[in-house]
Amino acid sequence: QRLIGWCSENNLALNTKKTKELIIDFRKKQGDHPPLHINGERVDRVSSFRFLGTHISADLRWSTNTHSLVKKAQQRLYFLRSLRKVNLPQQLLVSFYRCSIESVLTQHPGVVWQQFCG
């Protein structure tokens, strides 16, 4: 209720269709969490969501985010292979790799490689 009051005081409107509820609860005996309502509308409860390009999950593990980054890199590798088949110069292929694939893998460097190193 305080959030709704603060938003109205500052001329902001909460969009319940875009609002998600993520419960992070590491207690051994997890209680029942009542649904969240904003202005009489129920907010969707999710187990993970994407925020500023990073996937956040309820267990706070990086696996969802890592899988997403690897999938994006694999899709772009397909295009790199397609470009190589049409015999583009190696310099262009390297530029494409650095701009579209390497940038994805180094966006969150510790996240991607943490999965494979330990």
C-alpha atoms as a PDB file:
ATOM      1  CA  GLN A   1       0.000   0.000   0.000  1.00  0.00           C
ATOM      2  CA  ARG A   2       2.896   2.363   0.669  1.00  0.00           C
ATOM      3  CA  LEU A   3       4.202   1.764  -2.851  1.00  0.00           C
ATOM      4  CA  ILE A   4       0.827   2.654  -4.362  1.00  0.00           C
ATOM      5  CA  GLY A   5       0.694   5.830  -2.265  1.00  0.00           C
ATOM      6  CA  TRP A   6       4.241   6.809  -3.235  1.00  0.00           C
ATOM      7  CA  CYS A   7       3.505   6.259  -6.919  1.00  0.00           C
ATOM      8  CA  SER A   8       0.352   8.378  -6.825  1.00  0.00           C
ATOM      9  CA  GLU A   9       2.170  11.167  -4.951  1.00  0.00           C
ATOM     10  CA  ASN A  10       4.871  11.194  -7.639  1.00  0.00           C
ATOM     11  CA  ASN A  11       2.470  10.981 -10.603  1.00  0.00           C
ATOM     12  CA  LEU A  12       3.487   7.429 -11.509  1.00  0.00           C
ATOM     13  CA  ALA A  13       1.185   4.617 -12.538  1.00  0.00           C
ATOM     14  CA  LEU A  14       1.877   0.944 -11.859  1.00  0.00           C
ATOM     15  CA  ASN A  15       1.136  -1.320 -14.813  1.00  0.00           C
ATOM     16  CA  THR A  16       0.049  -4.646 -13.323  1.00  0.00           C
ATOM     17  CA  LYS A  17       0.274  -6.338 -16.727  1.00  0.00           C
ATOM     18  CA  LYS A  18       4.027  -5.646 -16.791  1.00  0.00           C
ATOM     19  CA  THR A  19       4.620  -6.136 -13.062  1.00  0.00           C
ATOM     20  CA  LYS A  20       5.881  -9.543 -11.915  1.00  0.00           C
ATOM     21  CA  GLU A  21       6.290 -10.998  -8.445  1.00  0.00           C
ATOM     22  CA  LEU A  22       9.361 -13.113  -7.754  1.00  0.00           C
ATOM     23  CA  ILE A  23       9.567 -14.727  -4.325  1.00  0.00           C
ATOM     24  CA  ILE A  24      13.036 -15.513  -3.040  1.00  0.00           C
ATOM     25  CA  ASP A  25      12.720 -17.593   0.103  1.00  0.00           C
ATOM     26  CA  PHE A  26      15.550 -19.782   1.359  1.00  0.00           C
ATOM     27  CA  ARG A  27      13.958 -20.748   4.679  1.00  0.00           C
ATOM     28  CA  LYS A  28      13.842 -24.474   5.353  1.00  0.00           C
ATOM     29  CA  LYS A  29      10.162 -24.293   6.181  1.00  0.00           C
ATOM     30  CA  GLN A  30       8.670 -22.071   3.529  1.00  0.00           C
ATOM     31  CA  GLY A  31       5.344 -20.577   4.390  1.00  0.00           C
ATOM     32  CA  ASP A  32       2.444 -19.867   2.093  1.00  0.00           C
ATOM     33  CA  HIS A  33       2.774 -16.513   0.359  1.00  0.00           C
ATOM     34  CA  PRO A  34      -0.530 -14.767  -0.325  1.00  0.00           C
ATOM     35  CA  PRO A  35      -0.917 -13.338  -3.832  1.00  0.00           C
ATOM     36  CA  LEU A  36       0.090  -9.729  -4.401  1.00  0.00           C
ATOM     37  CA  HIS A  37      -2.651  -7.308  -5.506  1.00  0.00           C
ATOM     38  CA  ILE A  38      -2.139  -3.786  -6.838  1.00  0.00           C
ATOM     39  CA  ASN A  39      -5.259  -1.636  -7.217  1.00  0.00           C
ATOM     40  CA  GLY A  40      -7.403  -4.762  -6.978  1.00  0.00           C
ATOM     41  CA  GLU A  41      -5.537  -6.591  -9.763  1.00  0.00           C
ATOM     42  CA  ARG A  42      -3.521  -9.715  -9.058  1.00  0.00           C
ATOM     43  CA  VAL A  43       0.184  -9.551  -9.990  1.00  0.00           C
ATOM     44  CA  ASP A  44       1.609 -12.537 -11.874  1.00  0.00           C
ATOM     45  CA  ARG A  45       3.982 -14.699  -9.831  1.00  0.00           C
ATOM     46  CA  VAL A  46       6.978 -16.017 -11.777  1.00  0.00           C
ATOM     47  CA  SER A  47       9.941 -18.263 -11.004  1.00  0.00           C
ATOM     48  CA  SER A  48      12.311 -16.150 -13.125  1.00  0.00           C
ATOM     49  CA  PHE A  49      12.265 -12.992 -15.227  1.00  0.00           C
ATOM     50  CA  ARG A  50      14.526 -10.818 -17.305  1.00  0.00           C
ATOM     51  CA  PHE A  51      15.629  -7.495 -15.851  1.00  0.00           C
ATOM     52  CA  LEU A  52      17.982  -5.191 -17.754  1.00  0.00           C
ATOM     53  CA  GLY A  53      19.146  -8.075 -19.936  1.00  0.00           C
ATOM     54  CA  THR A  54      19.892 -10.436 -17.046  1.00  0.00           C
ATOM     55  CA  HIS A  55      17.719 -13.431 -16.178  1.00  0.00           C
ATOM     56  CA  ILE A  56      17.014 -13.590 -12.446  1.00  0.00           C
ATOM     57  CA  SER A  57      15.599 -16.782 -10.958  1.00  0.00           C
ATOM     58  CA  ALA A  58      14.032 -17.510  -7.582  1.00  0.00           C
ATOM     59  CA  ASP A  59      16.945 -19.746  -6.584  1.00  0.00           C
ATOM     60  CA  LEU A  60      19.419 -16.960  -7.525  1.00  0.00           C
ATOM     61  CA  ARG A  61      21.467 -19.329  -9.683  1.00  0.00           C
ATOM     62  CA  TRP A  62      23.033 -18.229 -12.950  1.00  0.00           C
ATOM     63  CA  SER A  63      21.923 -21.250 -14.999  1.00  0.00           C
ATOM     64  CA  THR A  64      18.895 -19.555 -16.637  1.00  0.00           C
ATOM     65  CA  ASN A  65      20.966 -16.525 -17.584  1.00  0.00           C
ATOM     66  CA  THR A  66      23.865 -18.676 -18.799  1.00  0.00           C
ATOM     67  CA  HIS A  67      21.609 -20.836 -20.974  1.00  0.00           C
ATOM     68  CA  SER A  68      20.082 -17.705 -22.475  1.00  0.00           C
ATOM     69  CA  LEU A  69      23.486 -16.198 -23.326  1.00  0.00           C
ATOM     70  CA  VAL A  70      24.787 -19.460 -24.788  1.00  0.00           C
ATOM     71  CA  LYS A  71      21.632 -19.847 -26.893  1.00  0.00           C
ATOM     72  CA  LYS A  72      22.024 -16.310 -28.230  1.00  0.00           C
ATOM     73  CA  ALA A  73      25.689 -16.953 -29.087  1.00  0.00           C
ATOM     74  CA  GLN A  74      24.810 -20.258 -30.825  1.00  0.00           C
ATOM     75  CA  GLN A  75      22.188 -18.539 -32.969  1.00  0.00           C
ATOM     76  CA  ARG A  76      24.747 -15.969 -34.060  1.00  0.00           C
ATOM     77  CA  LEU A  77      27.360 -18.652 -34.738  1.00  0.00           C
ATOM     78  CA  TYR A  78      24.932 -20.080 -37.286  1.00  0.00           C
ATOM     79  CA  PHE A  79      25.025 -16.766 -39.156  1.00  0.00           C
ATOM     80  CA  LEU A  80      28.809 -16.717 -38.967  1.00  0.00           C
ATOM     81  CA  ARG A  81      28.936 -20.186 -40.557  1.00  0.00           C
ATOM     82  CA  SER A  82      26.530 -19.014 -43.265  1.00  0.00           C
ATOM     83  CA  LEU A  83      28.745 -16.020 -44.008  1.00  0.00           C
ATOM     84  CA  ARG A  84      31.814 -18.254 -44.172  1.00  0.00           C
ATOM     85  CA  LYS A  85      30.087 -20.501 -46.755  1.00  0.00           C
ATOM     86  CA  VAL A  86      29.752 -17.562 -49.143  1.00  0.00           C
ATOM     87  CA  ASN A  87      33.527 -16.993 -48.937  1.00  0.00           C
ATOM     88  CA  LEU A  88      33.606 -13.604 -47.237  1.00  0.00           C
ATOM     89  CA  PRO A  89      37.084 -12.311 -46.366  1.00  0.00           C
ATOM     90  CA  GLN A  90      38.388 -13.496 -43.006  1.00  0.00           C
ATOM     91  CA  GLN A  91      38.688  -9.924 -41.742  1.00  0.00           C
ATOM     92  CA  LEU A  92      34.927  -9.426 -42.179  1.00  0.00           C
ATOM     93  CA  LEU A  93      34.206 -12.739 -40.468  1.00  0.00           C
ATOM     94  CA  VAL A  94      36.397 -11.754 -37.509  1.00  0.00           C
ATOM     95  CA  SER A  95      34.640  -8.377 -37.303  1.00  0.00           C
ATOM     96  CA  PHE A  96      31.242 -10.090 -37.348  1.00  0.00           C
ATOM     97  CA  TYR A  97      32.393 -12.498 -34.614  1.00  0.00           C
ATOM     98  CA  ARG A  98      33.690  -9.721 -32.377  1.00  0.00           C
ATOM     99  CA  CYS A  99      30.631  -7.522 -32.803  1.00  0.00           C
ATOM    100  CA  SER A 100      27.883 -10.083 -32.551  1.00  0.00           C
ATOM    101  CA  ILE A 101      29.194 -13.149 -30.721  1.00  0.00           C
ATOM    102  CA  GLU A 102      32.098 -12.110 -28.535  1.00  0.00           C
ATOM    103  CA  SER A 103      30.085  -9.174 -27.213  1.00  0.00           C
ATOM    104  CA  VAL A 104      27.378 -11.572 -26.003  1.00  0.00           C
ATOM    105  CA  LEU A 105      29.851 -13.881 -24.287  1.00  0.00           C
ATOM    106  CA  THR A 106      31.717 -11.048 -22.581  1.00  0.00           C
ATOM    107  CA  GLN A 107      28.605  -9.106 -21.581  1.00  0.00           C
ATOM    108  CA  HIS A 108      28.719 -10.852 -18.193  1.00  0.00           C
ATOM    109  CA  PRO A 109      32.064 -12.690 -18.372  1.00  0.00           C
ATOM    110  CA  GLY A 110      32.044 -14.258 -14.929  1.00  0.00           C
ATOM    111  CA  VAL A 111      28.522 -15.556 -15.370  1.00  0.00           C
ATOM    112  CA  VAL A 112      29.081 -17.572 -18.540  1.00  0.00           C
ATOM    113  CA  TRP A 113      32.393 -19.087 -17.574  1.00  0.00           C
ATOM    114  CA  GLN A 114      31.533 -19.720 -13.922  1.00  0.00           C
ATOM    115  CA  GLN A 115      29.264 -22.561 -15.032  1.00  0.00           C
ATOM    116  CA  PHE A 116      32.079 -24.366 -16.829  1.00  0.00           C
ATOM    117  CA  CYS A 117      34.932 -23.702 -14.407  1.00  0.00           C
ATOM    118  CA  GLY A 118      33.473 -24.800 -11.130  1.00  0.00           C
END
